[in-house]
């Protein structure tokens, strides 16, 4: 068992609670309602595009502490095939040329580079992490949404990958980093509401990393902007949890080992006898349970 797995067990869950139970009478056994399975096949290539929190920097002791690296280690452990990992983070990056922070930013912006950095890489999983620097620069939310929407639509049109949007991270140093000193906790909340709306409109998943961080200031580096090592772990866990809840592909290793155990074979029979059969509805047929079990 990897050390990241055990570390991730200590981290709070990601996102908001969903309605898990379908309606039932008093005499009925409650059943978990089936989720939509967004991905049953293993991911082949992940591209993550964002700013400095994605690219990493001197606030971390080593690049392997980046949340993207931790996330990839989890994906590789739990799906039954390796995934190629392409990190397209650029420090001090913004969403587009009309962001107020563009002139002082590291260019090209996301709008100017998404085709080369994402679409032409032909990924089947894309994670987009934007909003932090644009919020700090005071970019109007509507402008941010319009430019981010253009990027999402173009990536969707390219290879129709699964797209995850992350919310804007929790930070504490709103006044220290001129000219990126025009943000606020309230503007952060407005950006995050807009990101949720974008995801709903364009069939993306959302990893609510702001919620996962729980506004815990001790998860932020003393620079006031970047998550520290533990903060990166929380963010990685949040994105992984989002993937696991929506993509059965990440259960493949666990499922294959579980289904072959003597314990499982015994209880498959017991459940069948009690008219409570195991129903791996998410499975594509590759691991269908033989009738003889």
Protein backbone atom coordinates (compact mmCIF):
# COMPACT_ATOMS: atom_id res chain seq x y z
CA UNK A 1 0.00 0.00 0.00
CA UNK A 2 1.45 3.37 -1.00
CA UNK A 3 2.19 6.01 1.60
CA UNK A 4 -0.02 8.44 -0.30
CA UNK A 5 -3.03 6.17 0.24
CA UNK A 6 -2.61 6.22 3.99
CA UNK A 7 -1.94 9.95 4.03
CA UNK A 8 -5.06 10.58 2.00
CA UNK A 9 -7.18 8.76 4.54
CA UNK A 10 -6.63 11.60 7.00
CA UNK A 11 -7.87 14.25 4.61
CA UNK A 12 -11.42 15.59 4.70
CA UNK A 13 -13.80 14.61 1.93
CA UNK A 14 -14.27 16.74 -1.17
CA UNK A 15 -17.39 18.47 -2.37
CA UNK A 16 -20.91 18.77 -1.19
CA UNK A 17 -23.25 15.95 -0.12
CA UNK A 18 -25.48 14.50 -2.84
CA UNK A 19 -28.81 12.75 -2.63
CA UNK A 20 -27.71 9.15 -2.27
CA UNK A 21 -30.93 7.32 -1.52
CA UNK A 22 -33.89 6.83 -3.78
CA UNK A 23 -37.36 7.11 -2.25
CA UNK A 24 -38.70 3.93 -0.60
CA UNK A 25 -41.52 2.79 1.65
CA UNK A 26 -41.04 1.67 5.24
CA UNK A 27 -41.23 -1.96 4.19
CA UNK A 28 -38.62 -1.65 1.46
CA UNK A 29 -34.88 -2.06 1.84
CA UNK A 30 -33.28 1.29 0.93
CA UNK A 31 -31.11 1.10 -2.17
CA UNK A 32 -28.38 3.46 -3.20
CA UNK A 33 -29.39 5.14 -6.42
CA UNK A 34 -27.01 4.42 -9.29
CA UNK A 35 -24.55 7.14 -10.21
CA UNK A 36 -23.73 7.93 -13.80
CA UNK A 37 -20.45 6.24 -14.68
CA UNK A 38 -18.43 8.74 -16.67
CA UNK A 39 -15.57 6.40 -17.44
CA UNK A 40 -15.34 2.60 -17.33
CA UNK A 41 -12.11 2.26 -19.33
CA UNK A 42 -8.73 3.19 -17.82
CA UNK A 43 -7.45 6.66 -18.58
CA UNK A 44 -4.59 6.75 -21.04
CA UNK A 45 -3.38 10.33 -20.97
CA UNK A 46 -3.95 13.09 -18.44
CA UNK A 47 -3.25 16.74 -19.20
CA UNK A 48 -3.50 19.22 -16.35
CA UNK A 49 -3.33 22.90 -17.26
CA UNK A 50 -3.13 25.72 -14.76
CA UNK A 51 -0.90 28.26 -13.06
CA UNK A 52 1.86 28.00 -10.45
CA UNK A 53 -0.01 25.65 -8.12
CA UNK A 54 0.03 23.16 -10.99
CA UNK A 55 3.60 23.84 -12.14
CA UNK A 56 5.08 23.89 -8.63
CA UNK A 57 7.83 26.12 -7.28
CA UNK A 58 10.14 26.95 -4.37
CA UNK A 59 7.31 26.84 -1.83
CA UNK A 60 7.59 23.04 -2.09
CA UNK A 61 10.64 21.00 -1.12
CA UNK A 62 10.36 18.86 -4.26
CA UNK A 63 8.19 18.75 -7.37
CA UNK A 64 6.74 15.38 -6.39
CA UNK A 65 4.80 17.21 -3.66
CA UNK A 66 2.65 18.97 -6.28
CA UNK A 67 -0.96 17.90 -6.04
CA UNK A 68 -0.90 16.83 -9.68
CA UNK A 69 1.94 14.37 -9.02
CA UNK A 70 0.19 12.98 -5.94
CA UNK A 71 -3.02 12.59 -7.94
CA UNK A 72 -1.26 10.73 -10.74
CA UNK A 73 0.33 8.32 -8.25
CA UNK A 74 -3.15 7.48 -6.96
CA UNK A 75 -4.59 6.98 -10.44
CA UNK A 76 -1.71 4.71 -11.39
CA UNK A 77 -2.19 2.65 -8.25
CA UNK A 78 -5.92 2.08 -8.60
CA UNK A 79 -6.64 1.72 -12.30
CA UNK A 80 -5.28 -1.39 -13.96
CA UNK A 81 -3.20 0.40 -16.60
CA UNK A 82 -0.61 3.19 -16.37
CA UNK A 83 -1.63 6.72 -17.29
CA UNK A 84 0.59 9.18 -19.14
CA UNK A 85 0.90 12.46 -17.27
CA UNK A 86 1.47 15.83 -18.95
CA UNK A 87 1.82 18.86 -16.68
CA UNK A 88 1.04 22.15 -18.42
CA UNK A 89 1.22 24.47 -15.46
CA UNK A 90 2.81 27.90 -15.93
CA UNK A 91 3.57 30.12 -12.97
CA UNK A 92 1.88 33.53 -12.90
CA UNK A 93 -0.44 32.49 -15.75
CA UNK A 94 -3.88 33.98 -16.43
CA UNK A 95 -6.95 32.95 -18.40
CA UNK A 96 -6.70 35.40 -21.32
CA UNK A 97 -5.22 38.68 -22.62
CA UNK A 98 -8.14 40.65 -21.21
CA UNK A 99 -7.35 39.63 -17.65
CA UNK A 100 -6.12 42.73 -15.79
CA UNK A 101 -3.09 40.71 -14.74
CA UNK A 102 -2.08 39.78 -18.29
CA UNK A 103 0.60 42.44 -18.85
CA UNK A 104 2.62 41.29 -15.83
CA UNK A 105 1.83 37.60 -16.29
CA UNK A 106 3.88 34.78 -17.76
CA UNK A 107 2.57 34.33 -21.27
CA UNK A 108 0.96 32.81 -23.26
CA UNK A 109 -2.35 32.84 -21.39
CA UNK A 110 -4.62 29.80 -21.19
CA UNK A 111 -6.73 31.10 -24.08
CA UNK A 112 -3.61 31.46 -26.23
CA UNK A 113 -2.12 28.06 -25.45
CA UNK A 114 -4.96 25.55 -24.85
CA UNK A 115 -4.84 24.18 -28.39
CA UNK A 116 -1.13 23.34 -28.27
CA UNK A 117 -0.99 22.39 -24.60
CA UNK A 118 -4.21 20.39 -24.38
CA UNK A 119 -6.11 19.66 -27.61
CA UNK A 120 -3.09 18.54 -29.66
CA UNK A 121 -1.97 16.25 -26.81
CA UNK A 122 -5.10 14.15 -27.45
CA UNK A 123 -5.89 13.43 -23.77
CA UNK A 124 -8.85 11.47 -22.43
CA UNK A 125 -8.69 13.24 -19.06
CA UNK A 126 -8.23 17.00 -18.69
CA UNK A 127 -8.01 18.99 -15.45
CA UNK A 128 -8.31 22.76 -15.75
CA UNK A 129 -7.18 24.86 -12.80
CA UNK A 130 -7.82 28.53 -13.44
CA UNK A 131 -9.31 31.51 -11.68
CA UNK A 132 -6.86 32.17 -8.86
CA UNK A 133 -4.68 34.77 -10.59
CA UNK A 134 -7.60 36.32 -12.47
CA UNK A 135 -9.53 36.70 -9.21
CA UNK A 136 -6.45 38.26 -7.58
CA UNK A 137 -6.16 40.66 -10.54
CA UNK A 138 -9.80 41.71 -10.14
CA UNK A 139 -10.98 40.33 -13.50
CA UNK A 140 -14.77 40.67 -13.81
CA UNK A 141 -16.40 37.28 -13.29
CA UNK A 142 -18.40 37.51 -16.53
CA UNK A 143 -15.24 38.08 -18.58
CA UNK A 144 -13.53 35.15 -16.90
CA UNK A 145 -16.52 32.90 -17.55
CA UNK A 146 -16.70 33.87 -21.23
CA UNK A 147 -13.02 33.11 -21.86
CA UNK A 148 -13.01 29.93 -19.78
CA UNK A 149 -16.11 28.76 -21.66
CA UNK A 150 -14.32 29.23 -24.97
CA UNK A 151 -11.49 27.00 -23.75
CA UNK A 152 -13.81 24.30 -22.40
CA UNK A 153 -15.88 24.17 -25.58
CA UNK A 154 -12.80 23.90 -27.81
CA UNK A 155 -11.28 21.11 -25.70
CA UNK A 156 -14.60 19.28 -25.67
CA UNK A 157 -14.85 19.57 -29.44
CA UNK A 158 -11.31 18.26 -29.90
CA UNK A 159 -11.36 14.76 -28.43
CA UNK A 160 -14.28 14.94 -26.01
CA UNK A 161 -12.19 14.07 -22.94
CA UNK A 162 -13.52 13.93 -19.41
CA UNK A 163 -12.97 17.47 -18.08
CA UNK A 164 -12.58 18.38 -14.42
CA UNK A 165 -12.66 21.98 -13.27
CA UNK A 166 -11.18 22.90 -9.92
CA UNK A 167 -12.51 25.75 -7.84
CA UNK A 168 -10.26 28.63 -6.79
CA UNK A 169 -8.02 27.59 -3.91
CA UNK A 170 -8.17 29.03 -0.41
CA UNK A 171 -5.50 31.69 0.13
CA UNK A 172 -4.67 34.30 2.77
CA UNK A 173 -2.33 36.94 1.26
CA UNK A 174 -4.79 39.12 -0.63
CA UNK A 175 -2.89 42.42 -0.25
CA UNK A 176 0.76 41.40 -0.47
CA UNK A 177 1.34 40.56 -4.12
CA UNK A 178 1.04 43.74 -6.19
CA UNK A 179 -0.49 43.98 -8.81
CA UNK A 180 -2.39 40.78 -7.93
CA UNK A 181 -3.88 42.42 -4.86
CA UNK A 182 -7.45 43.09 -5.98
CA UNK A 183 -9.03 39.84 -4.90
CA UNK A 184 -10.99 38.93 -1.79
CA UNK A 185 -12.74 35.99 -0.13
CA UNK A 186 -16.05 37.28 -1.52
CA UNK A 187 -14.69 37.45 -5.07
CA UNK A 188 -13.32 33.94 -4.59
CA UNK A 189 -16.82 32.72 -3.73
CA UNK A 190 -18.25 34.45 -6.81
CA UNK A 191 -15.64 32.81 -9.04
CA UNK A 192 -16.36 29.42 -7.52
CA UNK A 193 -20.10 29.75 -8.07
CA UNK A 194 -19.37 30.64 -11.69
CA UNK A 195 -17.10 27.59 -12.09
CA UNK A 196 -19.88 25.33 -10.82
CA UNK A 197 -22.28 26.88 -13.33
CA UNK A 198 -19.79 26.39 -16.16
CA UNK A 199 -19.36 22.74 -15.23
CA UNK A 200 -23.10 22.18 -15.23
CA UNK A 201 -23.54 23.86 -18.61
CA UNK A 202 -20.72 21.93 -20.27
CA UNK A 203 -20.98 18.51 -18.62
CA UNK A 204 -17.75 18.82 -16.65
CA UNK A 205 -16.98 17.48 -13.20
CA UNK A 206 -16.03 19.87 -10.41
CA UNK A 207 -13.43 19.20 -7.74
CA UNK A 208 -14.31 21.72 -5.06
CA UNK A 209 -10.84 22.16 -3.66
CA UNK A 210 -11.80 25.35 -1.83
CA UNK A 211 -14.41 23.41 0.13
CA UNK A 212 -11.95 20.57 0.74
CA UNK A 213 -9.39 22.99 2.19
CA UNK A 214 -12.05 24.13 4.64
CA UNK A 215 -10.56 27.64 4.79
CA UNK A 216 -7.86 26.13 7.01
CA UNK A 217 -5.08 28.73 6.91
CA UNK A 218 -2.49 26.17 8.02
CA UNK A 219 -2.87 24.47 4.63
CA UNK A 220 -1.51 27.61 2.93
CA UNK A 221 2.21 28.37 2.56
CA UNK A 222 3.50 31.47 4.43
CA UNK A 223 3.61 33.26 1.05
CA UNK A 224 -0.17 33.52 1.41
CA UNK A 225 -1.01 32.15 -2.05
CA UNK A 226 0.17 28.60 -2.60
CA UNK A 227 -0.98 25.49 -0.76
CA UNK A 228 1.79 23.94 1.30
CA UNK A 229 2.70 20.26 1.15
CA UNK A 230 -0.30 19.25 3.24
CA UNK A 231 -2.56 21.58 1.26
CA UNK A 232 -1.40 19.91 -1.96
CA UNK A 233 -2.28 16.56 -0.44
CA UNK A 234 -5.79 17.78 0.37
CA UNK A 235 -6.25 19.08 -3.18
CA UNK A 236 -4.99 15.83 -4.73
CA UNK A 237 -7.33 13.82 -2.55
CA UNK A 238 -10.26 16.05 -3.51
CA UNK A 239 -9.69 15.60 -7.24
CA UNK A 240 -9.12 11.87 -6.82
CA UNK A 241 -12.31 11.56 -4.79
CA UNK A 242 -14.20 13.38 -7.55
CA UNK A 243 -12.81 10.94 -10.11
CA UNK A 244 -13.48 7.86 -8.01
CA UNK A 245 -17.11 8.84 -7.39
CA UNK A 246 -17.79 9.27 -11.09
CA UNK A 247 -15.44 6.85 -12.89
CA UNK A 248 -15.59 3.11 -12.27
CA UNK A 249 -12.30 2.70 -14.17
CA UNK A 250 -10.46 3.67 -11.00
CA UNK A 251 -11.94 0.72 -9.13
CA UNK A 252 -10.65 -1.86 -11.61
CA UNK A 253 -7.61 -3.03 -9.63
CA UNK A 254 -9.58 -3.32 -6.41
CA UNK A 255 -12.52 -5.03 -8.11
CA UNK A 256 -10.38 -7.62 -9.90
CA UNK A 257 -8.66 -8.62 -6.66
CA UNK A 258 -11.83 -8.60 -4.57
CA UNK A 259 -13.93 -10.69 -6.92
CA UNK A 260 -11.40 -13.55 -6.99
CA UNK A 261 -11.11 -13.99 -3.23
CA UNK A 262 -12.68 -16.96 -1.45
CA UNK A 263 -14.51 -14.52 0.81
CA UNK A 264 -16.17 -12.90 -2.21
CA UNK A 265 -17.09 -16.19 -3.84
CA UNK A 266 -18.75 -17.36 -0.64
CA UNK A 267 -20.75 -14.17 -0.17
CA UNK A 268 -21.77 -13.99 -3.81
CA UNK A 269 -23.56 -17.29 -3.18
CA UNK A 270 -25.05 -16.06 0.10
CA UNK A 271 -26.37 -12.88 -1.47
CA UNK A 272 -27.87 -14.80 -4.36
CA UNK A 273 -29.61 -17.19 -1.97
CA UNK A 274 -31.17 -14.24 -0.14
CA UNK A 275 -32.31 -12.61 -3.38
CA UNK A 276 -29.83 -9.80 -2.78
CA UNK A 277 -27.44 -10.44 -5.67
CA UNK A 278 -24.28 -8.47 -6.24
CA UNK A 279 -24.92 -6.11 -9.15
CA UNK A 280 -21.75 -4.70 -10.75
CA UNK A 281 -23.88 -2.53 -13.05
CA UNK A 282 -20.95 -0.25 -13.82
CA UNK A 283 -18.96 -3.06 -15.37
CA UNK A 284 -18.71 -3.18 -19.15
CA UNK A 285 -18.87 -6.97 -19.26
CA UNK A 286 -15.16 -7.67 -19.04
CA UNK A 287 -15.52 -9.02 -15.51
CA UNK A 288 -19.05 -10.44 -15.54
CA UNK A 289 -19.63 -12.93 -12.74
CA UNK A 290 -20.23 -16.49 -14.01
CA UNK A 291 -23.67 -17.92 -13.27
CA UNK A 292 -22.08 -20.88 -11.51
CA UNK A 293 -20.87 -18.67 -8.64
